[in-house]
Amino acid sequence: MKKGSDSIDEFALRIKNLGDSLMSAGEDVRDTDLVPSLINGVGHDFDAIVVVVISTQQRFISFEDAHTMHEQRLKHLNSSNSDVIQAAANFASDQNSRGQHNGVYQNNRGGHRGRGRNYISAGRIGNRIHCQVCNKPGHGALKCYNRFD
């Protein structure tokens, strides 16, 4: 029996129903007898789970335990994905707010070596670097000819 286009829940239910049908016909079918059918019927998307189940052959887990482990794994993966999506959204939001100022930040504090109170300290504007010493594009403060003035 193969999973095909069914969800893992639908596939597991099909196997469980088959086992229940065999039991009602008088066959002695345990949940642990169904696990090999489950792991052999899923595709490569479930290789990680299959490896864990196969590696624990000394103590085969029950069908419900295997299904519960899979559900917990899916919840973990979904919560991890939502964390990644939230981090990406925060990053994009941060980039958009920086874009509104073109990457130039005004500093109204003193200590600008004679450049005036409202001197704009330049950093990166877009992807181009601007010198913080002479405020010209194309080089940083470490390579500025005017850095010792």
C-alpha atoms as a PDB file:
ATOM      1  CA  MET A   1       0.000   0.000   0.000  1.00  0.00           C
ATOM      2  CA  LYS A   2       1.388   3.420  -0.989  1.00  0.00           C
ATOM      3  CA  LYS A   3       0.585   6.848   0.414  1.00  0.00           C
ATOM      4  CA  GLY A   4       0.117   8.440  -3.013  1.00  0.00           C
ATOM      5  CA  SER A   5      -1.546  11.848  -2.861  1.00  0.00           C
ATOM      6  CA  ASP A   6      -3.205  11.188   0.505  1.00  0.00           C
ATOM      7  CA  SER A   7      -2.156  13.170   3.539  1.00  0.00           C
ATOM      8  CA  ILE A   8      -0.146  11.228   6.103  1.00  0.00           C
ATOM      9  CA  ASP A   9      -3.222  11.169   8.352  1.00  0.00           C
ATOM     10  CA  GLU A  10      -5.399   9.692   5.597  1.00  0.00           C
ATOM     11  CA  PHE A  11      -2.730   7.111   4.742  1.00  0.00           C
ATOM     12  CA  ALA A  12      -2.252   6.121   8.385  1.00  0.00           C
ATOM     13  CA  LEU A  13      -6.017   5.812   8.785  1.00  0.00           C
ATOM     14  CA  ARG A  14      -6.216   3.537   5.718  1.00  0.00           C
ATOM     15  CA  ILE A  15      -3.565   1.242   7.206  1.00  0.00           C
ATOM     16  CA  LYS A  16      -5.250   1.305  10.615  1.00  0.00           C
ATOM     17  CA  ASN A  17      -8.644   0.471   9.032  1.00  0.00           C
ATOM     18  CA  LEU A  18      -7.046  -2.410   7.123  1.00  0.00           C
ATOM     19  CA  GLY A  19      -5.608  -3.736  10.390  1.00  0.00           C
ATOM     20  CA  ASP A  20      -9.003  -3.349  12.089  1.00  0.00           C
ATOM     21  CA  SER A  21     -10.677  -5.229   9.218  1.00  0.00           C
ATOM     22  CA  LEU A  22      -8.173  -8.070   9.544  1.00  0.00           C
ATOM     23  CA  MET A  23      -8.763  -8.185  13.312  1.00  0.00           C
ATOM     24  CA  SER A  24     -12.540  -8.326  12.848  1.00  0.00           C
ATOM     25  CA  ALA A  25     -11.986 -11.240  10.439  1.00  0.00           C
ATOM     26  CA  GLY A  26     -10.198 -13.101  13.218  1.00  0.00           C
ATOM     27  CA  GLU A  27      -6.573 -12.328  12.381  1.00  0.00           C
ATOM     28  CA  ASP A  28      -4.170 -11.487  15.192  1.00  0.00           C
ATOM     29  CA  VAL A  29      -2.910  -8.036  14.114  1.00  0.00           C
ATOM     30  CA  ARG A  30      -1.019  -5.814  16.516  1.00  0.00           C
ATOM     31  CA  ASP A  31      -0.272  -2.144  15.947  1.00  0.00           C
ATOM     32  CA  THR A  32       3.400  -3.001  15.692  1.00  0.00           C
ATOM     33  CA  ASP A  33       2.520  -5.203  12.711  1.00  0.00           C
ATOM     34  CA  LEU A  34       1.150  -2.141  10.911  1.00  0.00           C
ATOM     35  CA  VAL A  35       4.242   0.056  11.324  1.00  0.00           C
ATOM     36  CA  PRO A  36       6.255  -1.673   8.552  1.00  0.00           C
ATOM     37  CA  SER A  37       3.357  -1.098   6.143  1.00  0.00           C
ATOM     38  CA  LEU A  38       3.332   2.548   7.130  1.00  0.00           C
ATOM     39  CA  ILE A  39       7.067   3.135   6.700  1.00  0.00           C
ATOM     40  CA  ASN A  40       7.182   1.207   3.423  1.00  0.00           C
ATOM     41  CA  GLY A  41       4.262   3.152   1.975  1.00  0.00           C
ATOM     42  CA  VAL A  42       5.460   6.700   2.549  1.00  0.00           C
ATOM     43  CA  GLY A  43       7.690   8.538   0.097  1.00  0.00           C
ATOM     44  CA  HIS A  44      11.053  10.225   0.497  1.00  0.00           C
ATOM     45  CA  ASP A  45       9.457  13.144   2.327  1.00  0.00           C
ATOM     46  CA  PHE A  46       9.358  10.951   5.422  1.00  0.00           C
ATOM     47  CA  ASP A  47      12.873   9.479   5.234  1.00  0.00           C
ATOM     48  CA  ALA A  48      13.919  11.035   8.547  1.00  0.00           C
ATOM     49  CA  ILE A  49      11.050   9.367  10.390  1.00  0.00           C
ATOM     50  CA  VAL A  50      11.605   6.069   8.583  1.00  0.00           C
ATOM     51  CA  VAL A  51      15.268   6.059   9.658  1.00  0.00           C
ATOM     52  CA  VAL A  52      14.294   6.584  13.298  1.00  0.00           C
ATOM     53  CA  VAL A  53      11.694   3.818  13.198  1.00  0.00           C
ATOM     54  CA  ILE A  54      14.073   1.390  11.499  1.00  0.00           C
ATOM     55  CA  SER A  55      16.883   2.213  13.932  1.00  0.00           C
ATOM     56  CA  THR A  56      14.625   1.315  16.869  1.00  0.00           C
ATOM     57  CA  GLN A  57      13.819  -2.160  15.581  1.00  0.00           C
ATOM     58  CA  GLN A  58      14.880  -3.723  18.874  1.00  0.00           C
ATOM     59  CA  ARG A  59      11.886  -2.114  20.518  1.00  0.00           C
ATOM     60  CA  PHE A  60       9.302  -1.464  17.857  1.00  0.00           C
ATOM     61  CA  ILE A  61       6.957   1.330  18.816  1.00  0.00           C
ATOM     62  CA  SER A  62       3.200   1.104  18.529  1.00  0.00           C
ATOM     63  CA  PHE A  63       1.313   2.551  15.604  1.00  0.00           C
ATOM     64  CA  GLU A  64      -0.195   5.287  17.793  1.00  0.00           C
ATOM     65  CA  ASP A  65       3.249   6.179  19.163  1.00  0.00           C
ATOM     66  CA  ALA A  66       4.669   6.441  15.643  1.00  0.00           C
ATOM     67  CA  HIS A  67       1.748   8.608  14.578  1.00  0.00           C
ATOM     68  CA  THR A  68       2.056  10.785  17.692  1.00  0.00           C
ATOM     69  CA  MET A  69       5.794  11.211  17.102  1.00  0.00           C
ATOM     70  CA  HIS A  70       5.080  12.264  13.536  1.00  0.00           C
ATOM     71  CA  GLU A  71       2.413  14.774  14.616  1.00  0.00           C
ATOM     72  CA  GLN A  72       4.784  16.281  17.189  1.00  0.00           C
ATOM     73  CA  ARG A  73       7.471  16.585  14.527  1.00  0.00           C
ATOM     74  CA  LEU A  74       5.042  18.377  12.186  1.00  0.00           C
ATOM     75  CA  LYS A  75       4.046  20.804  14.951  1.00  0.00           C
ATOM     76  CA  HIS A  76       7.711  21.492  15.652  1.00  0.00           C
ATOM     77  CA  LEU A  77       8.454  22.074  11.970  1.00  0.00           C
ATOM     78  CA  ASN A  78       5.439  24.351  11.586  1.00  0.00           C
ATOM     79  CA  SER A  79       6.406  26.416  14.630  1.00  0.00           C
ATOM     80  CA  SER A  80       9.991  26.643  13.345  1.00  0.00           C
ATOM     81  CA  ASN A  81       8.713  27.819   9.973  1.00  0.00           C
ATOM     82  CA  SER A  82       6.549  30.487  11.603  1.00  0.00           C
ATOM     83  CA  ASP A  83       9.596  31.731  13.551  1.00  0.00           C
ATOM     84  CA  VAL A  84      11.562  31.986  10.308  1.00  0.00           C
ATOM     85  CA  ILE A  85       8.692  33.785   8.587  1.00  0.00           C
ATOM     86  CA  GLN A  86       8.399  36.231  11.506  1.00  0.00           C
ATOM     87  CA  ALA A  87      12.148  36.906  11.442  1.00  0.00           C
ATOM     88  CA  ALA A  88      12.017  37.513   7.689  1.00  0.00           C
ATOM     89  CA  ALA A  89       9.081  39.893   8.131  1.00  0.00           C
ATOM     90  CA  ASN A  90      10.950  41.790  10.846  1.00  0.00           C
ATOM     91  CA  PHE A  91      14.019  42.043   8.626  1.00  0.00           C
ATOM     92  CA  ALA A  92      11.963  43.292   5.668  1.00  0.00           C
ATOM     93  CA  SER A  93      10.198  45.833   7.880  1.00  0.00           C
ATOM     94  CA  ASP A  94      13.544  47.054   9.221  1.00  0.00           C
ATOM     95  CA  GLN A  95      14.911  47.395   5.688  1.00  0.00           C
ATOM     96  CA  ASN A  96      11.832  49.352   4.584  1.00  0.00           C
ATOM     97  CA  SER A  97      12.100  51.794   7.472  1.00  0.00           C
ATOM     98  CA  ARG A  98      15.773  52.336   6.680  1.00  0.00           C
ATOM     99  CA  GLY A  99      14.912  52.898   3.043  1.00  0.00           C
ATOM    100  CA  GLN A 100      12.677  55.813   4.012  1.00  0.00           C
ATOM    101  CA  HIS A 101      15.750  57.625   5.277  1.00  0.00           C
ATOM    102  CA  ASN A 102      18.035  56.447   2.463  1.00  0.00           C
ATOM    103  CA  GLY A 103      20.460  55.077   5.031  1.00  0.00           C
ATOM    104  CA  VAL A 104      21.558  58.577   6.157  1.00  0.00           C
ATOM    105  CA  TYR A 105      21.075  59.318   9.812  1.00  0.00           C
ATOM    106  CA  GLN A 106      21.143  62.770  11.279  1.00  0.00           C
ATOM    107  CA  ASN A 107      23.001  63.201  14.520  1.00  0.00           C
ATOM    108  CA  ASN A 108      22.226  66.369  16.469  1.00  0.00           C
ATOM    109  CA  ARG A 109      24.927  65.846  19.067  1.00  0.00           C
ATOM    110  CA  GLY A 110      28.128  67.812  19.172  1.00  0.00           C
ATOM    111  CA  GLY A 111      31.622  66.574  18.376  1.00  0.00           C
ATOM    112  CA  HIS A 112      31.551  66.773  14.601  1.00  0.00           C
ATOM    113  CA  ARG A 113      34.988  68.394  14.328  1.00  0.00           C
ATOM    114  CA  GLY A 114      33.792  71.729  12.995  1.00  0.00           C
ATOM    115  CA  ARG A 115      31.062  70.387  10.744  1.00  0.00           C
ATOM    116  CA  GLY A 116      28.212  72.052  12.594  1.00  0.00           C
ATOM    117  CA  ARG A 117      25.484  71.015  14.942  1.00  0.00           C
ATOM    118  CA  ASN A 118      23.195  69.312  12.394  1.00  0.00           C
ATOM    119  CA  TYR A 119      25.888  67.368  10.543  1.00  0.00           C
ATOM    120  CA  ILE A 120      24.535  64.301   8.751  1.00  0.00           C
ATOM    121  CA  SER A 121      26.700  61.272   9.358  1.00  0.00           C
ATOM    122  CA  ALA A 122      26.625  59.145   6.235  1.00  0.00           C
ATOM    123  CA  GLY A 123      26.888  55.408   6.124  1.00  0.00           C
ATOM    124  CA  ARG A 124      25.601  53.141   3.413  1.00  0.00           C
ATOM    125  CA  ILE A 125      23.027  54.668   1.098  1.00  0.00           C
ATOM    126  CA  GLY A 126      21.373  51.766  -0.606  1.00  0.00           C
ATOM    127  CA  ASN A 127      24.230  49.436  -1.514  1.00  0.00           C
ATOM    128  CA  ARG A 128      26.766  52.227  -2.073  1.00  0.00           C
ATOM    129  CA  ILE A 129      29.101  53.186   0.740  1.00  0.00           C
ATOM    130  CA  HIS A 130      29.548  56.837   1.692  1.00  0.00           C
ATOM    131  CA  CYS A 131      32.508  58.158   3.612  1.00  0.00           C
ATOM    132  CA  GLN A 132      31.775  59.325   7.148  1.00  0.00           C
ATOM    133  CA  VAL A 133      34.628  61.847   6.988  1.00  0.00           C
ATOM    134  CA  CYS A 134      34.098  63.708   3.690  1.00  0.00           C
ATOM    135  CA  ASN A 135      30.553  62.451   2.932  1.00  0.00           C
ATOM    136  CA  LYS A 136      31.499  61.406  -0.613  1.00  0.00           C
ATOM    137  CA  PRO A 137      30.411  58.107  -2.146  1.00  0.00           C
ATOM    138  CA  GLY A 138      32.698  55.270  -3.159  1.00  0.00           C
ATOM    139  CA  HIS A 139      34.956  54.827  -0.138  1.00  0.00           C
ATOM    140  CA  GLY A 140      34.834  54.451   3.626  1.00  0.00           C
ATOM    141  CA  ALA A 141      36.444  56.498   6.389  1.00  0.00           C
ATOM    142  CA  LEU A 142      39.483  54.184   6.583  1.00  0.00           C
ATOM    143  CA  LYS A 143      40.404  54.916   2.956  1.00  0.00           C
ATOM    144  CA  CYS A 144      39.512  58.621   2.973  1.00  0.00           C
ATOM    145  CA  TYR A 145      42.284  61.032   1.986  1.00  0.00           C
ATOM    146  CA  ASN A 146      40.850  63.594   4.414  1.00  0.00           C
ATOM    147  CA  ARG A 147      40.733  61.318   7.462  1.00  0.00           C
ATOM    148  CA  PHE A 148      43.653  63.058   9.215  1.00  0.00           C
ATOM    149  CA  ASP A 149      42.438  66.634   8.568  1.00  0.00           C
END
